[in-house]
């Protein structure tokens, strides 16, 4: 059967494929440690669940405004005023079926054939493929480990050109956990001031930050960029609501209206009940977010220490998100189970076969010498998984 050319140009999500593989192996009775899933292992707060139950009882089961219910869009407006002093109107907010959907709508709305989008690598796996599906061209800028996997102003300046339509800023970053502080963002904003491209600020991990790091919004630091910046966010990570599928885009009204038009012809409105729950998530007591983040920090400290103690593994300390992204360069080229491990993909396959541990190879993140491990799992699983990986590494020759 003939399929479209665009489908041949993109890859399936490696993280979702590996998560499915883990479930399949566990169904076979294997004791598999899963370091793949990009979702908190915490349950959604009872206050949020109860809001959903009340919405059901009130009959909140019909179509809503494509853009999202007014109360939710107003709650998002209130959030940005409260957190960063940013003033938005509810018509500058679009609620979508998760952060990924919000990004997809946006790329469809802003890109024409041949438009370039600058993406610092390592990057979230879906950026390039969503851009390709929209007719755009991903322009990958490889960051350096010695710079904390953060794009420098010089690297950004060199990448910007007349074909640049947008720049993607993801902080804290998936997969590295790197985050941009006030000085970093101010320096990048000065470069962006001199170019007319759009800025896409992917802030889905804004609340999952550690130690004394403080998250800053590039728009709050440089208001001159407001009319060119679209903020993408989600309730999935901050409120352990991955399955509820609520994300949103906030930015200039013409861009938001264009993205809403795309959404109107694809999914229509997000889930009505989840939208009501999202209002409670944003406006209710936020204490459980801090509890979750403190536990993630304990896990981060453990997994990074364990990884750095392994021969041939080097792992930077993440400032945010819930992923460790160690370099395994020194392990590549070695042999395991009689096979030369020439890539991170080979190494991930070796860990699965030898240790029953599932990690995500770095190739699809734009980092061929790294692997990604989530620490959104229990300390017990982290310790057990690290024991197995360490034992497997000792068998390499």
Protein backbone atom coordinates (compact mmCIF):
# COMPACT_ATOMS: atom_id res chain seq x y z
CA UNK A 1 0.00 0.00 0.00
CA UNK A 2 1.29 3.45 -0.89
CA UNK A 3 1.80 5.75 2.09
CA UNK A 4 2.59 9.44 2.17
CA UNK A 5 6.13 10.66 1.78
CA UNK A 6 5.95 12.52 5.08
CA UNK A 7 5.37 9.33 7.07
CA UNK A 8 8.55 7.83 5.61
CA UNK A 9 10.57 10.78 6.86
CA UNK A 10 9.75 10.34 10.55
CA UNK A 11 10.51 7.74 13.21
CA UNK A 12 8.24 6.25 15.88
CA UNK A 13 8.86 7.47 19.43
CA UNK A 14 11.73 5.37 20.83
CA UNK A 15 10.72 6.05 24.44
CA UNK A 16 7.14 4.87 23.88
CA UNK A 17 8.40 1.81 21.97
CA UNK A 18 10.76 0.83 24.80
CA UNK A 19 8.08 1.40 27.43
CA UNK A 20 5.81 -0.95 25.47
CA UNK A 21 8.65 -3.49 25.24
CA UNK A 22 9.06 -3.36 29.02
CA UNK A 23 5.37 -4.11 29.56
CA UNK A 24 5.61 -7.00 27.11
CA UNK A 25 8.60 -8.52 28.92
CA UNK A 26 6.97 -8.11 32.32
CA UNK A 27 3.85 -9.83 30.98
CA UNK A 28 6.14 -12.78 30.19
CA UNK A 29 7.10 -12.92 33.86
CA UNK A 30 10.53 -11.28 33.56
CA UNK A 31 11.78 -9.02 36.36
CA UNK A 32 12.61 -5.98 34.21
CA UNK A 33 13.83 -2.66 35.60
CA UNK A 34 12.33 0.18 33.55
CA UNK A 35 14.38 3.38 33.25
CA UNK A 36 12.47 4.63 30.19
CA UNK A 37 9.15 6.19 31.15
CA UNK A 38 9.04 9.99 31.19
CA UNK A 39 6.34 10.25 33.81
CA UNK A 40 6.23 10.66 37.59
CA UNK A 41 5.55 7.45 39.51
CA UNK A 42 3.45 9.46 41.96
CA UNK A 43 -0.33 9.31 41.82
CA UNK A 44 -2.39 12.34 40.89
CA UNK A 45 -3.41 14.28 44.01
CA UNK A 46 -6.77 13.41 45.57
CA UNK A 47 -7.87 17.05 45.34
CA UNK A 48 -7.49 16.91 41.57
CA UNK A 49 -9.28 13.56 41.29
CA UNK A 50 -12.15 14.86 43.41
CA UNK A 51 -12.53 17.88 41.14
CA UNK A 52 -12.89 15.47 38.21
CA UNK A 53 -15.48 13.40 40.06
CA UNK A 54 -17.49 16.53 40.84
CA UNK A 55 -17.28 17.54 37.17
CA UNK A 56 -18.74 14.16 36.20
CA UNK A 57 -21.54 14.56 38.70
CA UNK A 58 -22.34 18.00 37.27
CA UNK A 59 -22.60 16.53 33.79
CA UNK A 60 -19.42 18.13 32.46
CA UNK A 61 -19.37 15.54 29.67
CA UNK A 62 -20.05 17.58 26.54
CA UNK A 63 -17.94 19.40 23.97
CA UNK A 64 -16.25 22.55 25.20
CA UNK A 65 -14.76 25.54 23.43
CA UNK A 66 -12.01 24.22 21.16
CA UNK A 67 -9.55 26.51 22.95
CA UNK A 68 -10.45 25.12 26.40
CA UNK A 69 -12.99 26.14 29.02
CA UNK A 70 -12.84 29.77 30.11
CA UNK A 71 -12.12 28.91 33.75
CA UNK A 72 -9.05 26.90 32.77
CA UNK A 73 -7.69 29.53 30.41
CA UNK A 74 -8.20 32.11 33.16
CA UNK A 75 -6.42 29.82 35.64
CA UNK A 76 -3.46 29.65 33.24
CA UNK A 77 -3.47 33.44 32.95
CA UNK A 78 -3.48 33.66 36.76
CA UNK A 79 -0.61 31.16 36.99
CA UNK A 80 1.70 33.26 34.81
CA UNK A 81 0.79 36.45 36.65
CA UNK A 82 1.42 34.74 40.00
CA UNK A 83 4.63 32.95 39.07
CA UNK A 84 6.41 35.41 36.78
CA UNK A 85 4.45 38.66 36.73
CA UNK A 86 3.47 38.02 33.11
CA UNK A 87 0.17 39.44 31.88
CA UNK A 88 -1.77 37.42 29.32
CA UNK A 89 -5.36 37.52 28.15
CA UNK A 90 -7.37 34.30 28.00
CA UNK A 91 -7.45 34.66 24.20
CA UNK A 92 -3.68 34.24 24.31
CA UNK A 93 -4.07 30.71 25.74
CA UNK A 94 -4.85 27.45 23.94
CA UNK A 95 -5.50 24.27 25.94
CA UNK A 96 -4.55 21.08 24.10
CA UNK A 97 -4.35 17.32 24.61
CA UNK A 98 -0.97 17.44 26.34
CA UNK A 99 2.20 19.45 25.79
CA UNK A 100 3.10 17.36 22.73
CA UNK A 101 -0.20 18.27 21.09
CA UNK A 102 0.34 21.95 21.90
CA UNK A 103 3.73 21.81 20.17
CA UNK A 104 2.35 19.94 17.17
CA UNK A 105 -0.41 22.53 16.69
CA UNK A 106 2.15 25.29 16.94
CA UNK A 107 4.56 23.88 14.36
CA UNK A 108 1.67 23.26 11.97
CA UNK A 109 0.53 26.85 12.43
CA UNK A 110 3.86 28.65 11.98
CA UNK A 111 5.95 26.62 9.50
CA UNK A 112 6.02 26.70 5.73
CA UNK A 113 8.05 24.39 3.50
CA UNK A 114 11.76 24.93 4.06
CA UNK A 115 11.46 27.03 7.23
CA UNK A 116 14.24 26.19 9.68
CA UNK A 117 13.85 25.61 13.40
CA UNK A 118 16.96 25.73 15.58
CA UNK A 119 17.08 22.88 18.11
CA UNK A 120 19.95 22.56 20.60
CA UNK A 121 21.04 18.93 20.99
CA UNK A 122 20.55 16.82 23.02
CA UNK A 123 16.83 17.40 22.44
CA UNK A 124 13.47 15.83 23.17
CA UNK A 125 12.98 13.13 20.56
CA UNK A 126 9.75 14.51 19.06
CA UNK A 127 10.94 17.98 18.07
CA UNK A 128 12.59 17.06 14.73
CA UNK A 129 9.79 14.79 13.56
CA UNK A 130 7.04 17.26 14.40
CA UNK A 131 8.94 19.92 12.47
CA UNK A 132 9.35 17.58 9.48
CA UNK A 133 5.63 16.77 9.56
CA UNK A 134 4.97 20.51 9.35
CA UNK A 135 7.19 20.95 6.30
CA UNK A 136 9.99 22.58 8.25
CA UNK A 137 13.66 21.68 8.56
CA UNK A 138 15.24 20.93 11.95
CA UNK A 139 18.59 22.73 12.28
CA UNK A 140 20.45 20.89 15.02
CA UNK A 141 23.08 22.71 17.07
CA UNK A 142 25.21 20.30 19.06
CA UNK A 143 25.91 21.57 22.57
CA UNK A 144 28.96 20.57 24.60
CA UNK A 145 29.21 18.62 27.83
CA UNK A 146 31.72 21.16 29.15
CA UNK A 147 29.03 23.85 28.74
CA UNK A 148 26.54 21.77 30.69
CA UNK A 149 24.71 20.83 27.46
CA UNK A 150 23.50 24.43 27.13
CA UNK A 151 23.63 26.36 23.86
CA UNK A 152 25.89 29.39 24.10
CA UNK A 153 25.07 32.84 22.70
CA UNK A 154 27.87 32.38 20.15
CA UNK A 155 26.47 29.04 18.97
CA UNK A 156 22.98 30.51 18.68
CA UNK A 157 24.23 33.56 16.79
CA UNK A 158 26.10 31.35 14.32
CA UNK A 159 23.01 29.20 13.69
CA UNK A 160 20.54 32.05 13.08
CA UNK A 161 20.02 32.87 9.41
CA UNK A 162 17.34 34.34 7.10
CA UNK A 163 15.59 30.94 6.89
CA UNK A 164 15.28 30.63 10.69
CA UNK A 165 11.60 30.65 11.62
CA UNK A 166 11.90 29.58 15.25
CA UNK A 167 14.28 28.66 18.06
CA UNK A 168 13.33 25.96 20.59
CA UNK A 169 14.39 26.58 24.19
CA UNK A 170 13.79 23.64 26.53
CA UNK A 171 14.69 24.34 30.15
CA UNK A 172 14.96 22.19 32.19
CA UNK A 173 15.92 19.94 29.33
CA UNK A 174 14.75 16.46 28.44
CA UNK A 175 17.00 14.40 28.28
CA UNK A 176 19.96 16.13 30.01
CA UNK A 177 18.28 17.89 32.94
CA UNK A 178 20.30 21.01 32.05
CA UNK A 179 18.61 24.31 32.85
CA UNK A 180 19.34 27.91 31.90
CA UNK A 181 19.80 30.38 34.74
CA UNK A 182 19.04 34.11 34.66
CA UNK A 183 22.40 35.07 33.13
CA UNK A 184 22.18 32.32 30.48
CA UNK A 185 18.72 33.43 29.38
CA UNK A 186 19.59 37.11 29.40
CA UNK A 187 22.58 36.45 27.13
CA UNK A 188 20.49 34.35 24.72
CA UNK A 189 17.72 36.95 24.71
CA UNK A 190 20.16 39.66 23.61
CA UNK A 191 21.06 37.52 20.59
CA UNK A 192 17.40 36.81 19.82
CA UNK A 193 16.52 40.51 20.00
CA UNK A 194 18.54 41.02 16.82
CA UNK A 195 16.64 38.38 14.86
CA UNK A 196 12.95 38.21 13.95
CA UNK A 197 12.45 34.49 14.58
CA UNK A 198 9.86 33.10 16.97
CA UNK A 199 10.98 31.67 20.31
CA UNK A 200 9.35 28.46 21.53
CA UNK A 201 9.93 28.09 25.25
CA UNK A 202 9.18 24.50 26.29
CA UNK A 203 8.71 24.84 30.04
CA UNK A 204 7.06 21.53 30.95
CA UNK A 205 9.65 20.82 33.68
CA UNK A 206 9.62 24.35 35.13
CA UNK A 207 8.65 23.19 38.63
CA UNK A 208 10.93 20.14 38.75
CA UNK A 209 14.17 21.86 39.73
CA UNK A 210 16.74 21.10 42.42
CA UNK A 211 19.07 22.56 45.01
CA UNK A 212 19.03 26.36 44.82
CA UNK A 213 18.26 26.60 41.11
CA UNK A 214 15.57 29.14 40.24
CA UNK A 215 13.54 28.88 37.06
CA UNK A 216 13.21 32.05 35.00
CA UNK A 217 10.96 32.82 32.06
CA UNK A 218 12.78 34.36 29.10
CA UNK A 219 9.73 36.57 28.48
CA UNK A 220 9.80 37.94 32.03
CA UNK A 221 13.53 38.66 31.71
CA UNK A 222 13.16 40.35 28.32
CA UNK A 223 9.62 41.67 27.73
CA UNK A 224 10.68 42.85 24.24
CA UNK A 225 10.48 39.19 23.18
CA UNK A 226 6.89 38.75 24.37
CA UNK A 227 5.24 39.16 20.97
CA UNK A 228 7.58 36.56 19.46
CA UNK A 229 7.56 33.96 22.25
CA UNK A 230 5.17 31.05 22.67
CA UNK A 231 5.35 29.20 25.98
CA UNK A 232 4.50 25.50 25.93
CA UNK A 233 3.55 23.87 29.19
CA UNK A 234 1.75 20.84 30.58
CA UNK A 235 0.20 19.49 33.74
CA UNK A 236 1.66 16.04 33.09
CA UNK A 237 4.97 16.34 34.94
CA UNK A 238 4.27 18.93 37.61
CA UNK A 239 1.04 17.34 38.83
CA UNK A 240 1.64 13.67 37.90
CA UNK A 241 -1.18 13.91 35.35
CA UNK A 242 0.36 12.27 32.28
CA UNK A 243 -2.77 10.28 31.40
CA UNK A 244 -5.11 13.24 31.79
CA UNK A 245 -3.65 14.80 28.62
CA UNK A 246 -3.77 18.52 29.37
CA UNK A 247 -1.15 20.89 28.00
CA UNK A 248 -1.29 24.46 26.80
CA UNK A 249 0.33 27.15 24.71
CA UNK A 250 0.52 30.79 25.76
CA UNK A 251 1.63 33.58 23.47
CA UNK A 252 0.66 36.21 20.88
CA UNK A 253 -3.04 36.08 20.01
CA UNK A 254 -2.55 35.62 16.22
CA UNK A 255 -0.33 32.56 16.72
CA UNK A 256 -2.65 31.09 19.35
CA UNK A 257 -5.67 31.62 17.08
CA UNK A 258 -3.85 29.88 14.21
CA UNK A 259 -2.93 26.92 16.44
CA UNK A 260 -6.55 26.75 17.64
CA UNK A 261 -7.68 26.53 14.02
CA UNK A 262 -5.40 23.51 13.54
CA UNK A 263 -6.80 21.93 16.70
CA UNK A 264 -10.37 22.57 15.59
CA UNK A 265 -9.80 20.36 12.54
CA UNK A 266 -7.98 17.57 14.37
CA UNK A 267 -8.99 16.80 17.95
CA UNK A 268 -11.41 19.62 18.80
CA UNK A 269 -11.40 20.34 22.55
CA UNK A 270 -9.35 18.44 25.15
CA UNK A 271 -11.16 16.15 27.57
CA UNK A 272 -13.83 18.19 29.35
CA UNK A 273 -13.49 16.45 32.72
CA UNK A 274 -9.69 16.70 32.72
CA UNK A 275 -10.00 20.43 32.02
CA UNK A 276 -11.98 20.95 35.24
CA UNK A 277 -9.41 18.90 37.16
CA UNK A 278 -6.69 21.08 35.63
CA UNK A 279 -8.25 24.21 37.14
CA UNK A 280 -7.93 22.65 40.58
CA UNK A 281 -4.36 21.56 39.83
CA UNK A 282 -3.28 25.10 38.96
CA UNK A 283 -5.23 27.07 41.57
CA UNK A 284 -5.31 24.66 44.51
CA UNK A 285 -2.73 23.90 47.20
CA UNK A 286 0.68 23.33 45.61
CA UNK A 287 2.37 21.54 48.53
CA UNK A 288 2.38 18.10 46.89
CA UNK A 289 4.54 19.45 44.06
CA UNK A 290 7.30 20.27 46.53
CA UNK A 291 7.00 16.85 48.17
CA UNK A 292 7.41 15.14 44.81
CA UNK A 293 10.38 17.31 43.79
CA UNK A 294 12.21 16.67 47.06
CA UNK A 295 11.85 12.94 46.50
CA UNK A 296 13.08 13.28 42.92
CA UNK A 297 16.11 15.14 44.24
CA UNK A 298 16.96 12.27 46.60
CA UNK A 299 16.70 9.85 43.69
CA UNK A 300 18.74 12.12 41.43
CA UNK A 301 21.55 12.26 43.97
CA UNK A 302 21.55 8.47 44.25
CA UNK A 303 21.47 7.59 40.56
CA UNK A 304 24.11 10.15 39.53
CA UNK A 305 26.46 8.97 42.29
CA UNK A 306 25.95 5.35 41.28
CA UNK A 307 26.46 6.03 37.57
CA UNK A 308 29.64 8.04 38.10
CA UNK A 309 31.06 5.17 40.17
CA UNK A 310 30.75 2.81 37.18
CA UNK A 311 33.73 2.20 34.93
CA UNK A 312 33.44 4.08 31.63
CA UNK A 313 30.37 6.15 32.65
CA UNK A 314 30.30 9.94 33.16
CA UNK A 315 27.14 11.72 34.26
CA UNK A 316 26.56 15.44 34.78
CA UNK A 317 24.32 16.54 37.65
CA UNK A 318 20.87 17.54 36.35
CA UNK A 319 19.46 20.86 37.53
CA UNK A 320 15.93 19.80 36.72
CA UNK A 321 13.54 17.26 35.11
CA UNK A 322 13.94 13.62 36.19
CA UNK A 323 16.50 12.10 33.84
CA UNK A 324 20.14 11.15 34.08
CA UNK A 325 21.96 11.34 30.75
CA UNK A 326 25.38 9.75 31.18
CA UNK A 327 28.06 9.60 28.51
CA UNK A 328 28.98 5.96 27.75
CA UNK A 329 31.58 6.83 25.16
CA UNK A 330 34.27 4.79 26.92
CA UNK A 331 32.12 1.66 26.73
CA UNK A 332 31.46 1.83 23.01
CA UNK A 333 33.59 -0.54 20.96
CA UNK A 334 33.77 -3.11 23.73
CA UNK A 335 32.27 -6.58 23.41
CA UNK A 336 29.36 -8.01 25.34
CA UNK A 337 27.70 -11.39 24.86
CA UNK A 338 30.06 -11.94 21.92
CA UNK A 339 28.95 -8.80 20.06
CA UNK A 340 30.82 -5.55 19.50
CA UNK A 341 28.85 -2.70 21.03
CA UNK A 342 29.42 0.06 18.50
CA UNK A 343 26.57 2.37 19.50
CA UNK A 344 24.44 3.45 22.43
CA UNK A 345 21.66 1.41 20.83
CA UNK A 346 23.86 -1.70 20.99
CA UNK A 347 24.70 -0.97 24.61
CA UNK A 348 21.01 -0.53 25.52
CA UNK A 349 20.26 -3.87 23.87
CA UNK A 350 23.11 -5.47 25.86
CA UNK A 351 21.75 -4.09 29.17
CA UNK A 352 18.32 -5.48 28.32
CA UNK A 353 19.59 -8.96 27.41
CA UNK A 354 22.28 -9.25 30.07
CA UNK A 355 20.72 -7.37 32.99
CA UNK A 356 17.00 -7.05 32.19
CA UNK A 357 17.33 -3.26 32.50
CA UNK A 358 15.72 -0.98 29.93
CA UNK A 359 17.42 2.35 29.16
CA UNK A 360 16.89 4.71 26.23
CA UNK A 361 19.77 5.02 23.76
CA UNK A 362 20.85 8.57 22.99
CA UNK A 363 20.76 8.46 19.19
CA UNK A 364 17.19 9.75 18.93
CA UNK A 365 18.04 12.58 21.34
CA UNK A 366 20.85 13.73 19.06
CA UNK A 367 23.53 12.28 21.34
CA UNK A 368 25.01 9.06 19.98
CA UNK A 369 27.34 8.47 22.94
CA UNK A 370 24.79 8.76 25.75
CA UNK A 371 21.93 6.83 27.29
CA UNK A 372 18.96 8.18 29.23
CA UNK A 373 17.67 6.81 32.50
CA UNK A 374 14.65 8.20 34.29
CA UNK A 375 14.71 8.41 38.07
CA UNK A 376 10.94 8.78 38.21
CA UNK A 377 10.92 5.40 39.87
CA UNK A 378 11.56 4.15 43.41
CA UNK A 379 14.94 4.26 45.12
CA UNK A 380 14.73 0.50 45.45
CA UNK A 381 14.35 0.12 41.67
CA UNK A 382 17.17 2.63 41.08
CA UNK A 383 19.56 0.74 43.34
CA UNK A 384 18.60 -2.64 41.87
CA UNK A 385 18.90 -1.36 38.31
CA UNK A 386 22.26 0.26 38.96
CA UNK A 387 23.54 -2.96 40.56
CA UNK A 388 22.58 -4.84 37.41
CA UNK A 389 24.10 -2.29 35.03
CA UNK A 390 27.32 -2.21 37.02
CA UNK A 391 27.55 -6.01 36.99
CA UNK A 392 26.87 -6.06 33.23
CA UNK A 393 29.60 -3.48 32.55
CA UNK A 394 32.14 -5.65 34.38
CA UNK A 395 31.47 -8.37 31.81
CA UNK A 396 32.46 -6.18 28.88
CA UNK A 397 35.81 -6.89 27.25
